[in-house]
């Protein structure tokens, strides 16, 4: 059971109107993140917004006496209008775990590498603070996936993922033998390094590295991509969002596997284990500061070569700049 937050005596109260609250999550192992977190916490507090933090992070930053704290992550985003993340995609995925149940939007400030889930970069901190104070952001629902692990027909684990659920071999020296299904019908048997089941949001993550397609976030679909499959038919699959994907570790082999959800939560898979993936009952809500097309995000994040292009959009841009 989660413990209730502890409100510092300095928390602002405006008559009977409840104080505005923002949960802030930080990668405290990075000096840059620590510096930005101090800046953001101070600025939001100066505008009368209560900043809530996980107690151990507040202790690491030395701000435990200046912010509201909660001992556990469970329920940490309850009654918060926003979950603000200072870090990279890994920290944002952690925020998704915390905020999904309450439906709290997640806004990421990227201090990592690609930062595909983040909405802002380090240089945008001032504008992020202004947007939070003015509530100048939109909210976008991203499809998640619900994941179940079954043994002998019994559900032994239930979890979710925003990006992907990947079934991987447990031993480096041998492949894992699996049968994959779509909507209860067997599709193929693969000896492989693993299988990735991804959302459109996760199409630019592990799915991308495994050779799967890039899918625009507005497309509702589920993806299944084999990893280094030793098979004649081993193509990436795109199926309906209502479909159920299944991966079964063959019982007659001695090759065990492991399930990873968003690269954060792991479940051991003995021979005979069955993994079912379906559209999640709850989306993950992402706060957006800009309405830039996804194409522009791809170009910016991957540094795609478009310089010198003379298409109509470029001509319009140059005309506006003239």
Protein backbone atom coordinates (compact mmCIF):
# COMPACT_ATOMS: atom_id res chain seq x y z
CA UNK A 1 0.00 0.00 0.00
CA UNK A 2 1.37 3.41 -0.96
CA UNK A 3 2.03 5.93 1.76
CA UNK A 4 0.38 9.34 1.54
CA UNK A 5 2.50 12.27 0.45
CA UNK A 6 3.99 14.55 3.07
CA UNK A 7 3.22 18.19 2.46
CA UNK A 8 5.88 20.67 3.56
CA UNK A 9 4.68 23.48 5.77
CA UNK A 10 5.48 25.95 2.99
CA UNK A 11 2.97 24.40 0.54
CA UNK A 12 0.75 27.24 -0.74
CA UNK A 13 -2.95 27.19 -0.03
CA UNK A 14 -5.29 29.65 -1.79
CA UNK A 15 -8.46 29.71 0.29
CA UNK A 16 -10.48 26.56 -0.33
CA UNK A 17 -9.03 26.04 -3.78
CA UNK A 18 -6.65 23.05 -3.83
CA UNK A 19 -3.06 23.81 -4.71
CA UNK A 20 -1.83 22.85 -8.14
CA UNK A 21 0.52 19.86 -8.05
CA UNK A 22 3.13 18.48 -10.41
CA UNK A 23 4.98 15.20 -9.87
CA UNK A 24 8.62 15.58 -10.91
CA UNK A 25 10.79 12.56 -11.70
CA UNK A 26 14.51 12.99 -12.24
CA UNK A 27 17.51 10.93 -13.32
CA UNK A 28 19.49 11.94 -10.22
CA UNK A 29 22.62 10.15 -11.43
CA UNK A 30 23.29 12.87 -14.00
CA UNK A 31 24.70 16.21 -12.92
CA UNK A 32 22.86 17.97 -15.73
CA UNK A 33 19.55 16.46 -14.64
CA UNK A 34 20.16 17.51 -11.05
CA UNK A 35 20.83 21.08 -12.11
CA UNK A 36 17.72 21.27 -14.30
CA UNK A 37 15.58 19.69 -11.59
CA UNK A 38 16.68 22.33 -9.07
CA UNK A 39 15.85 25.06 -11.58
CA UNK A 40 12.42 23.65 -12.43
CA UNK A 41 11.41 22.92 -8.83
CA UNK A 42 12.34 26.42 -7.72
CA UNK A 43 10.56 28.09 -10.63
CA UNK A 44 7.33 26.13 -10.22
CA UNK A 45 7.27 26.73 -6.47
CA UNK A 46 7.73 30.43 -7.17
CA UNK A 47 4.48 30.32 -9.17
CA UNK A 48 2.60 28.63 -6.34
CA UNK A 49 2.72 25.12 -7.78
CA UNK A 50 3.47 22.30 -5.35
CA UNK A 51 6.22 20.01 -6.63
CA UNK A 52 5.93 16.40 -5.49
CA UNK A 53 8.92 14.05 -5.66
CA UNK A 54 9.76 10.50 -4.68
CA UNK A 55 11.45 10.84 -1.28
CA UNK A 56 14.74 9.18 -2.26
CA UNK A 57 15.10 11.50 -5.27
CA UNK A 58 14.33 14.56 -3.17
CA UNK A 59 16.97 13.42 -0.67
CA UNK A 60 19.52 12.92 -3.48
CA UNK A 61 18.85 16.44 -4.72
CA UNK A 62 18.87 17.93 -1.22
CA UNK A 63 15.39 19.45 -1.63
CA UNK A 64 13.38 17.18 0.67
CA UNK A 65 12.41 20.13 2.87
CA UNK A 66 11.24 22.25 -0.05
CA UNK A 67 8.98 19.84 -1.93
CA UNK A 68 6.14 17.47 -1.17
CA UNK A 69 7.40 13.90 -0.92
CA UNK A 70 5.99 10.41 -1.18
CA UNK A 71 7.80 7.28 -0.10
CA UNK A 72 6.60 4.99 -2.88
CA UNK A 73 5.97 5.29 -6.60
CA UNK A 74 2.55 3.64 -6.42
CA UNK A 75 -0.06 6.38 -6.56
CA UNK A 76 2.58 9.11 -6.67
CA UNK A 77 0.84 10.96 -9.51
CA UNK A 78 -2.59 10.90 -7.90
CA UNK A 79 -4.14 14.41 -7.76
CA UNK A 80 -1.27 15.80 -9.86
CA UNK A 81 -2.10 17.68 -13.05
CA UNK A 82 1.15 16.63 -14.73
CA UNK A 83 4.13 14.31 -14.38
CA UNK A 84 7.23 16.23 -15.40
CA UNK A 85 10.27 14.12 -16.31
CA UNK A 86 13.86 15.36 -16.29
CA UNK A 87 15.91 12.68 -18.04
CA UNK A 88 15.82 10.41 -21.09
CA UNK A 89 13.39 7.89 -22.54
CA UNK A 90 14.15 5.42 -19.74
CA UNK A 91 12.98 7.89 -17.11
CA UNK A 92 9.90 8.69 -19.21
CA UNK A 93 9.04 4.99 -19.42
CA UNK A 94 9.35 4.83 -15.64
CA UNK A 95 7.00 7.82 -15.44
CA UNK A 96 4.53 6.00 -17.68
CA UNK A 97 4.43 3.13 -15.16
CA UNK A 98 3.61 5.57 -12.37
CA UNK A 99 1.17 7.86 -14.19
CA UNK A 100 -0.81 5.44 -16.38
CA UNK A 101 -3.21 4.24 -13.70
CA UNK A 102 -4.21 7.78 -12.70
CA UNK A 103 -4.25 9.05 -16.30
CA UNK A 104 -1.82 11.85 -15.46
CA UNK A 105 -0.14 13.31 -18.58
CA UNK A 106 3.64 12.87 -18.84
CA UNK A 107 5.86 15.69 -20.11
CA UNK A 108 9.49 14.83 -20.78
CA UNK A 109 12.52 17.12 -20.90
CA UNK A 110 15.19 15.14 -22.72
CA UNK A 111 18.66 14.91 -21.21
CA UNK A 112 19.42 11.53 -22.81
CA UNK A 113 20.36 10.54 -26.35
CA UNK A 114 17.58 10.30 -28.95
CA UNK A 115 14.76 11.04 -26.51
CA UNK A 116 11.92 10.11 -28.85
CA UNK A 117 9.30 10.26 -26.10
CA UNK A 118 10.45 13.64 -24.80
CA UNK A 119 8.75 16.84 -25.80
CA UNK A 120 11.53 19.30 -25.02
CA UNK A 121 15.32 19.51 -24.88
CA UNK A 122 17.61 21.00 -22.24
CA UNK A 123 17.63 24.38 -23.98
CA UNK A 124 13.83 24.57 -23.75
CA UNK A 125 13.57 24.46 -19.95
CA UNK A 126 12.39 28.08 -19.62
CA UNK A 127 9.61 27.57 -22.16
CA UNK A 128 8.61 24.30 -20.46
CA UNK A 129 8.23 26.12 -17.13
CA UNK A 130 6.12 28.84 -18.79
CA UNK A 131 3.92 26.23 -20.50
CA UNK A 132 3.33 24.31 -17.26
CA UNK A 133 2.48 27.47 -15.33
CA UNK A 134 0.06 28.65 -18.05
CA UNK A 135 -1.25 25.10 -18.72
CA UNK A 136 -0.27 25.71 -22.32
CA UNK A 137 -0.02 22.16 -23.56
CA UNK A 138 -2.20 19.56 -25.23
CA UNK A 139 -2.60 15.92 -24.21
CA UNK A 140 -2.19 12.99 -26.58
CA UNK A 141 -3.29 9.45 -25.74
CA UNK A 142 -0.82 6.76 -26.81
CA UNK A 143 -1.90 3.16 -27.13
CA UNK A 144 -0.33 0.76 -24.67
CA UNK A 145 -0.33 -3.04 -24.63
CA UNK A 146 -1.47 -5.39 -21.89
CA UNK A 147 0.76 -8.44 -21.49
CA UNK A 148 -0.02 -11.75 -19.82
CA UNK A 149 2.24 -14.72 -19.13
CA UNK A 150 0.46 -18.07 -18.84
CA UNK A 151 1.63 -21.50 -17.70
CA UNK A 152 -0.65 -24.52 -18.10
CA UNK A 153 -3.49 -22.15 -18.93
CA UNK A 154 -3.09 -20.13 -15.73
CA UNK A 155 -2.14 -16.44 -15.77
CA UNK A 156 1.03 -16.06 -13.68
CA UNK A 157 2.00 -12.49 -14.62
CA UNK A 158 0.07 -9.47 -15.89
CA UNK A 159 1.78 -6.24 -16.87
CA UNK A 160 1.78 -3.60 -19.59
CA UNK A 161 4.13 -1.74 -21.92
CA UNK A 162 4.12 1.57 -23.76
CA UNK A 163 6.83 0.68 -26.28
CA UNK A 164 7.12 -3.09 -26.53
CA UNK A 165 7.04 -6.52 -24.96
CA UNK A 166 9.97 -8.62 -26.15
CA UNK A 167 10.40 -12.36 -25.72
CA UNK A 168 14.13 -13.09 -25.82
CA UNK A 169 16.44 -16.05 -25.41
CA UNK A 170 17.83 -16.45 -21.91
CA UNK A 171 21.12 -18.09 -22.97
CA UNK A 172 23.42 -16.31 -25.37
CA UNK A 173 24.75 -19.54 -26.91
CA UNK A 174 21.40 -20.90 -28.16
CA UNK A 175 18.27 -19.77 -29.95
CA UNK A 176 14.82 -19.82 -28.44
CA UNK A 177 12.19 -21.96 -30.18
CA UNK A 178 8.77 -20.33 -30.39
CA UNK A 179 5.45 -20.58 -32.17
CA UNK A 180 3.71 -17.28 -32.88
CA UNK A 181 -0.04 -16.81 -33.19
CA UNK A 182 -2.38 -14.09 -34.37
CA UNK A 183 -5.97 -14.17 -33.10
CA UNK A 184 -5.65 -17.71 -31.84
CA UNK A 185 -4.36 -19.10 -35.13
CA UNK A 186 -0.77 -20.40 -35.41
CA UNK A 187 1.26 -18.45 -37.95
CA UNK A 188 4.80 -19.82 -37.88
CA UNK A 189 7.48 -21.50 -35.80
CA UNK A 190 10.74 -19.67 -35.39
CA UNK A 191 14.14 -20.50 -34.01
CA UNK A 192 15.30 -17.01 -33.20
CA UNK A 193 16.93 -14.62 -30.76
CA UNK A 194 13.52 -13.30 -29.83
CA UNK A 195 10.27 -11.66 -30.88
CA UNK A 196 9.24 -8.02 -30.39
CA UNK A 197 5.57 -7.08 -29.98
CA UNK A 198 5.32 -3.31 -30.22
CA UNK A 199 2.97 -0.34 -30.33
CA UNK A 200 3.21 2.49 -32.88
CA UNK A 201 4.88 4.55 -30.15
CA UNK A 202 7.47 1.78 -29.73
CA UNK A 203 8.04 1.44 -33.46
CA UNK A 204 11.03 3.80 -33.19
CA UNK A 205 12.52 1.88 -30.25
CA UNK A 206 13.46 -1.84 -30.12
CA UNK A 207 11.16 -2.55 -33.08
CA UNK A 208 13.20 -0.12 -35.18
CA UNK A 209 16.50 -1.75 -34.22
CA UNK A 210 15.08 -5.19 -35.06
CA UNK A 211 14.18 -4.07 -38.59
CA UNK A 212 10.49 -3.40 -38.03
CA UNK A 213 8.51 -0.62 -39.70
CA UNK A 214 8.21 2.93 -38.43
CA UNK A 215 4.52 3.52 -37.73
CA UNK A 216 3.04 6.98 -37.25
CA UNK A 217 1.51 7.40 -33.75
CA UNK A 218 -1.92 8.16 -35.22
CA UNK A 219 -2.09 4.68 -36.74
CA UNK A 220 -3.77 2.14 -34.49
CA UNK A 221 -1.98 -1.18 -34.93
CA UNK A 222 0.07 -3.85 -33.23
CA UNK A 223 3.48 -4.93 -34.53
CA UNK A 224 5.29 -8.26 -34.33
CA UNK A 225 8.93 -8.50 -35.41
CA UNK A 226 11.19 -11.57 -35.16
CA UNK A 227 14.79 -11.03 -34.08
CA UNK A 228 17.37 -12.93 -36.14
CA UNK A 229 14.95 -15.72 -37.00
CA UNK A 230 16.33 -18.84 -38.70
CA UNK A 231 13.30 -19.29 -40.95
CA UNK A 232 12.12 -18.75 -44.53
CA UNK A 233 9.14 -16.67 -43.41
CA UNK A 234 10.21 -14.19 -40.79
CA UNK A 235 8.82 -10.82 -41.84
CA UNK A 236 7.65 -7.94 -39.67
CA UNK A 237 3.88 -8.06 -39.18
CA UNK A 238 1.39 -5.22 -38.75
CA UNK A 239 -2.01 -6.32 -37.48
CA UNK A 240 -5.25 -4.74 -36.32
CA UNK A 241 -5.35 -3.10 -32.87
CA UNK A 242 -8.13 -5.54 -31.94
CA UNK A 243 -5.91 -8.57 -32.64
CA UNK A 244 -4.29 -10.72 -29.98
CA UNK A 245 -0.64 -11.66 -30.49
CA UNK A 246 0.78 -14.73 -28.81
CA UNK A 247 4.27 -16.17 -28.48
CA UNK A 248 4.65 -19.66 -27.03
CA UNK A 249 8.01 -21.06 -25.94
CA UNK A 250 8.03 -24.64 -27.21
CA UNK A 251 7.74 -27.10 -24.33
CA UNK A 252 9.73 -29.84 -26.04
CA UNK A 253 12.91 -27.79 -26.05
CA UNK A 254 15.25 -26.91 -23.22
CA UNK A 255 15.63 -23.30 -24.35
CA UNK A 256 14.22 -20.91 -21.74
CA UNK A 257 13.43 -17.30 -22.41
CA UNK A 258 12.83 -13.99 -20.71
CA UNK A 259 10.09 -11.40 -21.22
CA UNK A 260 11.08 -7.76 -21.13
CA UNK A 261 8.47 -4.99 -21.00
CA UNK A 262 9.81 -1.61 -22.10
CA UNK A 263 13.27 -2.93 -21.23
CA UNK A 264 12.44 -2.35 -17.55
CA UNK A 265 10.47 -5.30 -16.17
CA UNK A 266 11.65 -8.87 -16.71
CA UNK A 267 9.84 -12.21 -16.31
CA UNK A 268 11.57 -15.59 -16.69
CA UNK A 269 9.93 -17.86 -19.29
CA UNK A 270 10.42 -21.61 -18.89
CA UNK A 271 9.67 -23.96 -21.82
CA UNK A 272 5.90 -24.10 -22.31
CA UNK A 273 5.27 -20.51 -21.25
CA UNK A 274 2.79 -18.54 -23.33
CA UNK A 275 2.80 -14.76 -23.73
CA UNK A 276 -0.32 -12.93 -24.92
CA UNK A 277 -0.26 -9.31 -26.05
CA UNK A 278 -3.34 -7.19 -26.71
CA UNK A 279 -4.28 -3.54 -26.83
CA UNK A 280 -4.08 -2.00 -23.37
CA UNK A 281 -7.22 -1.03 -21.49
CA UNK A 282 -5.61 2.27 -20.53
CA UNK A 283 -3.51 4.52 -22.76
CA UNK A 284 -0.46 6.46 -21.63
CA UNK A 285 -1.11 10.19 -21.84
CA UNK A 286 1.70 12.38 -23.19
CA UNK A 287 1.69 16.16 -22.83
CA UNK A 288 2.63 18.02 -26.00
CA UNK A 289 3.95 21.57 -26.26
CA UNK A 290 4.13 21.62 -30.05
CA UNK A 291 1.97 20.34 -32.88
CA UNK A 292 4.90 19.52 -35.16
CA UNK A 293 4.22 16.68 -37.63
CA UNK A 294 5.67 13.29 -36.77
CA UNK A 295 7.72 13.50 -39.97
CA UNK A 296 9.56 16.51 -38.58
CA UNK A 297 10.21 14.63 -35.34
CA UNK A 298 11.73 11.73 -37.29
CA UNK A 299 13.98 14.11 -39.23
CA UNK A 300 15.11 15.91 -36.07
CA UNK A 301 15.65 12.88 -33.83
CA UNK A 302 17.44 10.73 -36.42
CA UNK A 303 19.24 13.61 -38.17
CA UNK A 304 17.80 12.56 -41.54
CA UNK A 305 19.38 14.25 -44.59
CA UNK A 306 16.84 16.65 -46.10
CA UNK A 307 19.12 19.65 -46.73
CA UNK A 308 18.91 20.96 -50.26
CA UNK A 309 15.40 19.66 -50.83
CA UNK A 310 13.34 22.02 -52.97
CA UNK A 311 9.81 20.71 -52.39
CA UNK A 312 6.72 22.86 -51.96
CA UNK A 313 6.95 22.95 -48.15
CA UNK A 314 10.53 24.20 -48.34
CA UNK A 315 9.56 26.86 -50.86
CA UNK A 316 6.77 28.04 -48.59
CA UNK A 317 9.15 28.15 -45.62
CA UNK A 318 11.71 30.17 -47.56
CA UNK A 319 8.98 32.52 -48.72
CA UNK A 320 7.91 33.13 -45.13
CA UNK A 321 11.51 33.71 -44.05
CA UNK A 322 12.17 36.20 -46.84
